Each structure stands twice: as C-alpha cells, then as structure tokens.
Amino acid sequence: MLDFEKQAIKIFKALGDETRYRIVRMLLERGELSCADFDQEFHLSKSAMSHHYRVLENSGLITTRKAGQHIFITVNRTVLRQFLPDFEKIHSRSGD
C-alpha cells in the first residue's frame, strides 16, 4: 500500500469519530485552541481527550505546541487540503 493511501485511511478513520470531527471543525472555525478550550466543550475525561488528540495528530490533521504547561492545537490545513480539498468550505462556518 502506498504512503498516500495509508495516510488517507488514517485521516478518514480519524474524522469518522464524532468527537474528532467536531474538534477539527472547532479548530477551523476558531483557529488555535488550548486543551482547556476543548474541556469546556466536551465533557470527557482528560485521557479520552488525549486519545482523540493523539489519533488526529498521528493522522497529520492537527499539530500541537507546548507553551509552559499549556498545549495548543491547530489544524494542519496543508494536510487537510491535500486529502480533502473542500472540507473547510463544506464543513465549517468559516468556509462560508
């Protein structure tokens, strides 16, 4: 299987989960967010949220950066556009 195919499968699996889909949409609409921002939106344990971040990061859909004790997350728009060119336009309010 080609690397492109492997990454595409990871991306589609990642977005196939409602929580991860909503995380990506939030990031597209609001820009960079911290884990604390997601804690207010999703009422899941820290370990569950960490799992979702890890799946999204392993698929290449998000990037994280650490600033002190805070972790900030952004959408990797390059990867998103490579595999799903119209995703932002169709699935987020910021694409209007």
N, C-alpha and C. Protein backbone atom coordinates (compact mmCIF):
# COMPACT_ATOMS: atom_id res chain seq x y z
N MET A 1 0.85 -1.18 0.00
CA MET A 1 0.00 0.00 0.00
C MET A 1 0.90 1.24 0.00
N LEU A 2 0.53 2.23 -0.78
CA LEU A 2 1.29 3.46 -0.88
C LEU A 2 1.14 4.30 0.38
N ASP A 3 2.16 5.13 0.68
CA ASP A 3 2.10 6.01 1.85
C ASP A 3 0.89 6.93 1.79
N PHE A 4 0.58 7.43 0.59
CA PHE A 4 -0.59 8.32 0.43
C PHE A 4 -1.86 7.59 0.86
N GLU A 5 -2.00 6.35 0.43
CA GLU A 5 -3.18 5.56 0.79
C GLU A 5 -3.25 5.32 2.29
N LYS A 6 -2.12 5.01 2.90
CA LYS A 6 -2.07 4.77 4.34
C LYS A 6 -2.50 6.01 5.11
N GLN A 7 -1.97 7.16 4.70
CA GLN A 7 -2.34 8.40 5.39
C GLN A 7 -3.81 8.74 5.15
N ALA A 8 -4.30 8.54 3.95
CA ALA A 8 -5.71 8.80 3.65
C ALA A 8 -6.61 7.97 4.55
N ILE A 9 -6.28 6.71 4.74
CA ILE A 9 -7.08 5.84 5.59
C ILE A 9 -7.06 6.34 7.03
N LYS A 10 -5.89 6.77 7.52
CA LYS A 10 -5.79 7.32 8.88
C LYS A 10 -6.67 8.56 9.02
N ILE A 11 -6.66 9.41 8.02
CA ILE A 11 -7.45 10.65 8.06
C ILE A 11 -8.93 10.33 8.08
N PHE A 12 -9.38 9.45 7.21
CA PHE A 12 -10.80 9.12 7.15
C PHE A 12 -11.26 8.43 8.44
N LYS A 13 -10.41 7.56 9.00
CA LYS A 13 -10.75 6.92 10.27
C LYS A 13 -10.83 7.96 11.38
N ALA A 14 -9.89 8.89 11.40
CA ALA A 14 -9.89 9.93 12.43
C ALA A 14 -11.16 10.77 12.36
N LEU A 15 -11.55 11.17 11.17
CA LEU A 15 -12.74 12.01 11.02
C LEU A 15 -14.04 11.23 11.13
N GLY A 16 -13.96 9.92 11.12
CA GLY A 16 -15.15 9.08 11.26
C GLY A 16 -15.70 9.06 12.67
N ASP A 17 -14.96 9.61 13.62
CA ASP A 17 -15.41 9.68 15.00
C ASP A 17 -16.01 11.07 15.24
N GLU A 18 -17.19 11.11 15.86
CA GLU A 18 -17.90 12.38 16.06
C GLU A 18 -17.08 13.40 16.85
N THR A 19 -16.42 12.98 17.90
CA THR A 19 -15.64 13.92 18.71
C THR A 19 -14.50 14.51 17.91
N ARG A 20 -13.77 13.67 17.19
CA ARG A 20 -12.63 14.17 16.41
C ARG A 20 -13.10 15.06 15.27
N TYR A 21 -14.20 14.70 14.65
CA TYR A 21 -14.78 15.55 13.60
C TYR A 21 -15.10 16.94 14.17
N ARG A 22 -15.73 16.97 15.34
CA ARG A 22 -16.09 18.24 15.97
C ARG A 22 -14.85 19.03 16.38
N ILE A 23 -13.79 18.35 16.83
CA ILE A 23 -12.55 19.03 17.18
C ILE A 23 -11.99 19.75 15.96
N VAL A 24 -11.93 19.05 14.84
CA VAL A 24 -11.40 19.65 13.61
C VAL A 24 -12.26 20.84 13.17
N ARG A 25 -13.57 20.70 13.23
CA ARG A 25 -14.46 21.81 12.86
C ARG A 25 -14.24 23.01 13.78
N MET A 26 -14.12 22.78 15.08
CA MET A 26 -13.87 23.88 16.02
C MET A 26 -12.58 24.60 15.68
N LEU A 27 -11.55 23.83 15.39
CA LEU A 27 -10.26 24.44 15.06
C LEU A 27 -10.34 25.25 13.77
N LEU A 28 -11.06 24.76 12.79
CA LEU A 28 -11.21 25.50 11.54
C LEU A 28 -11.96 26.82 11.77
N GLU A 29 -12.96 26.78 12.63
CA GLU A 29 -13.79 27.96 12.87
C GLU A 29 -13.14 28.96 13.81
N ARG A 30 -12.37 28.48 14.79
CA ARG A 30 -11.84 29.37 15.84
C ARG A 30 -10.34 29.57 15.79
N GLY A 31 -9.64 28.78 15.00
CA GLY A 31 -8.18 28.88 14.98
C GLY A 31 -7.55 28.04 16.07
N GLU A 32 -6.38 28.44 16.51
CA GLU A 32 -5.66 27.69 17.54
C GLU A 32 -6.43 27.70 18.86
N LEU A 33 -6.54 26.52 19.47
CA LEU A 33 -7.23 26.39 20.75
C LEU A 33 -6.36 25.59 21.72
N SER A 34 -6.59 25.82 22.99
CA SER A 34 -5.88 25.04 24.01
C SER A 34 -6.73 23.85 24.43
N CYS A 35 -6.10 22.92 25.09
CA CYS A 35 -6.84 21.76 25.60
C CYS A 35 -7.95 22.22 26.55
N ALA A 36 -7.70 23.29 27.30
CA ALA A 36 -8.71 23.82 28.23
C ALA A 36 -9.95 24.28 27.47
N ASP A 37 -9.77 24.83 26.27
CA ASP A 37 -10.92 25.25 25.45
C ASP A 37 -11.79 24.04 25.11
N PHE A 38 -11.16 22.93 24.80
CA PHE A 38 -11.92 21.72 24.46
C PHE A 38 -12.59 21.12 25.69
N ASP A 39 -11.95 21.27 26.85
CA ASP A 39 -12.55 20.75 28.09
C ASP A 39 -13.91 21.38 28.35
N GLN A 40 -14.06 22.64 27.98
CA GLN A 40 -15.34 23.34 28.17
C GLN A 40 -16.41 22.83 27.21
N GLU A 41 -16.01 22.40 26.06
CA GLU A 41 -16.94 21.95 25.02
C GLU A 41 -17.31 20.47 25.15
N PHE A 42 -16.32 19.66 25.47
CA PHE A 42 -16.51 18.22 25.55
C PHE A 42 -16.44 17.79 27.01
N HIS A 43 -17.37 17.04 27.44
CA HIS A 43 -17.38 16.59 28.83
C HIS A 43 -16.86 15.15 28.89
N LEU A 44 -15.60 15.02 28.51
CA LEU A 44 -14.92 13.73 28.51
C LEU A 44 -13.71 13.79 29.44
N SER A 45 -13.22 12.65 29.85
CA SER A 45 -12.03 12.61 30.70
C SER A 45 -10.82 13.12 29.93
N LYS A 46 -9.81 13.54 30.67
CA LYS A 46 -8.58 14.01 30.04
C LYS A 46 -7.93 12.91 29.22
N SER A 47 -8.01 11.67 29.70
CA SER A 47 -7.41 10.57 28.94
C SER A 47 -8.16 10.31 27.65
N ALA A 48 -9.49 10.45 27.66
CA ALA A 48 -10.27 10.28 26.43
C ALA A 48 -9.92 11.37 25.43
N MET A 49 -9.83 12.61 25.91
CA MET A 49 -9.48 13.72 25.01
C MET A 49 -8.06 13.53 24.47
N SER A 50 -7.15 13.10 25.33
CA SER A 50 -5.78 12.86 24.90
C SER A 50 -5.74 11.81 23.79
N HIS A 51 -6.56 10.79 23.91
CA HIS A 51 -6.64 9.76 22.86
C HIS A 51 -7.08 10.39 21.54
N HIS A 52 -8.10 11.25 21.58
CA HIS A 52 -8.58 11.89 20.36
C HIS A 52 -7.51 12.79 19.74
N TYR A 53 -6.81 13.55 20.57
CA TYR A 53 -5.72 14.40 20.05
C TYR A 53 -4.65 13.54 19.39
N ARG A 54 -4.31 12.43 20.03
CA ARG A 54 -3.26 11.55 19.51
C ARG A 54 -3.65 10.97 18.15
N VAL A 55 -4.90 10.53 18.01
CA VAL A 55 -5.36 9.98 16.73
C VAL A 55 -5.29 11.06 15.65
N LEU A 56 -5.75 12.26 15.98
CA LEU A 56 -5.72 13.36 14.99
C LEU A 56 -4.29 13.74 14.64
N GLU A 57 -3.41 13.76 15.62
CA GLU A 57 -2.02 14.11 15.36
C GLU A 57 -1.33 13.02 14.53
N ASN A 58 -1.60 11.77 14.85
CA ASN A 58 -0.99 10.66 14.09
C ASN A 58 -1.48 10.62 12.65
N SER A 59 -2.67 11.13 12.40
CA SER A 59 -3.18 11.19 11.03
C SER A 59 -2.60 12.38 10.27
N GLY A 60 -2.01 13.32 11.00
CA GLY A 60 -1.46 14.52 10.37
C GLY A 60 -2.43 15.68 10.31
N LEU A 61 -3.64 15.51 10.85
CA LEU A 61 -4.66 16.56 10.75
C LEU A 61 -4.45 17.73 11.70
N ILE A 62 -3.76 17.49 12.82
CA ILE A 62 -3.50 18.59 13.75
C ILE A 62 -2.03 18.63 14.12
N THR A 63 -1.62 19.79 14.59
CA THR A 63 -0.30 19.94 15.17
C THR A 63 -0.48 20.53 16.56
N THR A 64 0.45 20.24 17.43
CA THR A 64 0.38 20.76 18.79
C THR A 64 1.66 21.50 19.10
N ARG A 65 1.53 22.47 20.01
CA ARG A 65 2.72 23.16 20.53
C ARG A 65 2.50 23.38 22.01
N LYS A 66 3.60 23.30 22.73
CA LYS A 66 3.53 23.46 24.18
C LYS A 66 4.10 24.82 24.55
N ALA A 67 3.37 25.52 25.41
CA ALA A 67 3.82 26.81 25.94
C ALA A 67 3.63 26.74 27.45
N GLY A 68 4.72 26.53 28.16
CA GLY A 68 4.61 26.33 29.60
C GLY A 68 3.87 25.05 29.88
N GLN A 69 2.81 25.14 30.67
CA GLN A 69 2.03 23.96 30.99
C GLN A 69 0.84 23.77 30.05
N HIS A 70 0.70 24.66 29.09
CA HIS A 70 -0.45 24.62 28.19
C HIS A 70 -0.07 24.00 26.85
N ILE A 71 -1.01 23.27 26.28
CA ILE A 71 -0.83 22.70 24.94
C ILE A 71 -1.84 23.36 24.02
N PHE A 72 -1.36 23.84 22.89
CA PHE A 72 -2.20 24.50 21.91
C PHE A 72 -2.26 23.64 20.65
N ILE A 73 -3.43 23.61 20.05
CA ILE A 73 -3.69 22.73 18.91
C ILE A 73 -4.17 23.54 17.72
N THR A 74 -3.68 23.21 16.54
CA THR A 74 -4.14 23.83 15.30
C THR A 74 -4.37 22.75 14.25
N VAL A 75 -5.21 23.08 13.28
CA VAL A 75 -5.43 22.19 12.15
C VAL A 75 -4.25 22.32 11.20
N ASN A 76 -3.79 21.21 10.69
CA ASN A 76 -2.77 21.21 9.65
C ASN A 76 -3.51 21.35 8.32
N ARG A 77 -3.73 22.59 7.92
CA ARG A 77 -4.53 22.86 6.73
C ARG A 77 -3.90 22.29 5.45
N THR A 78 -2.59 22.21 5.43
CA THR A 78 -1.91 21.64 4.25
C THR A 78 -2.34 20.19 4.04
N VAL A 79 -2.31 19.41 5.10
CA VAL A 79 -2.72 18.00 5.00
C VAL A 79 -4.21 17.91 4.70
N LEU A 80 -5.00 18.70 5.41
CA LEU A 80 -6.45 18.66 5.20
C LEU A 80 -6.79 18.97 3.74
N ARG A 81 -6.17 19.99 3.19
CA ARG A 81 -6.45 20.37 1.79
C ARG A 81 -5.91 19.35 0.80
N GLN A 82 -4.83 18.68 1.16
CA GLN A 82 -4.27 17.67 0.26
C GLN A 82 -5.22 16.48 0.12
N PHE A 83 -5.83 16.07 1.21
CA PHE A 83 -6.68 14.88 1.19
C PHE A 83 -8.17 15.20 1.05
N LEU A 84 -8.58 16.36 1.55
CA LEU A 84 -10.00 16.76 1.50
C LEU A 84 -10.07 18.24 1.13
N PRO A 85 -9.84 18.58 -0.13
CA PRO A 85 -9.70 19.97 -0.53
C PRO A 85 -10.88 20.88 -0.19
N ASP A 86 -12.08 20.36 -0.18
CA ASP A 86 -13.25 21.20 0.09
C ASP A 86 -13.81 21.03 1.50
N PHE A 87 -13.10 20.31 2.36
CA PHE A 87 -13.62 20.04 3.70
C PHE A 87 -13.94 21.33 4.45
N GLU A 88 -13.02 22.26 4.46
CA GLU A 88 -13.23 23.51 5.21
C GLU A 88 -14.43 24.28 4.68
N LYS A 89 -14.55 24.35 3.38
CA LYS A 89 -15.66 25.09 2.77
C LYS A 89 -17.00 24.44 3.10
N ILE A 90 -17.05 23.14 3.10
CA ILE A 90 -18.31 22.41 3.28
C ILE A 90 -18.67 22.21 4.74
N HIS A 91 -17.67 21.96 5.58
CA HIS A 91 -17.94 21.52 6.95
C HIS A 91 -17.73 22.56 8.03
N SER A 92 -17.33 23.77 7.71
CA SER A 92 -17.16 24.78 8.76
C SER A 92 -17.83 26.08 8.38
N ARG A 93 -18.22 26.80 9.41
CA ARG A 93 -18.85 28.10 9.18
C ARG A 93 -17.86 29.11 8.63
N SER A 94 -16.56 28.94 8.96
CA SER A 94 -15.54 29.88 8.48
C SER A 94 -15.31 29.74 6.99
N GLY A 95 -15.76 28.62 6.39
CA GLY A 95 -15.61 28.39 4.97
C GLY A 95 -16.68 29.09 4.15
N ASP A 96 -17.67 29.74 4.82
CA ASP A 96 -18.76 30.43 4.09
C ASP A 96 -18.24 31.64 3.34
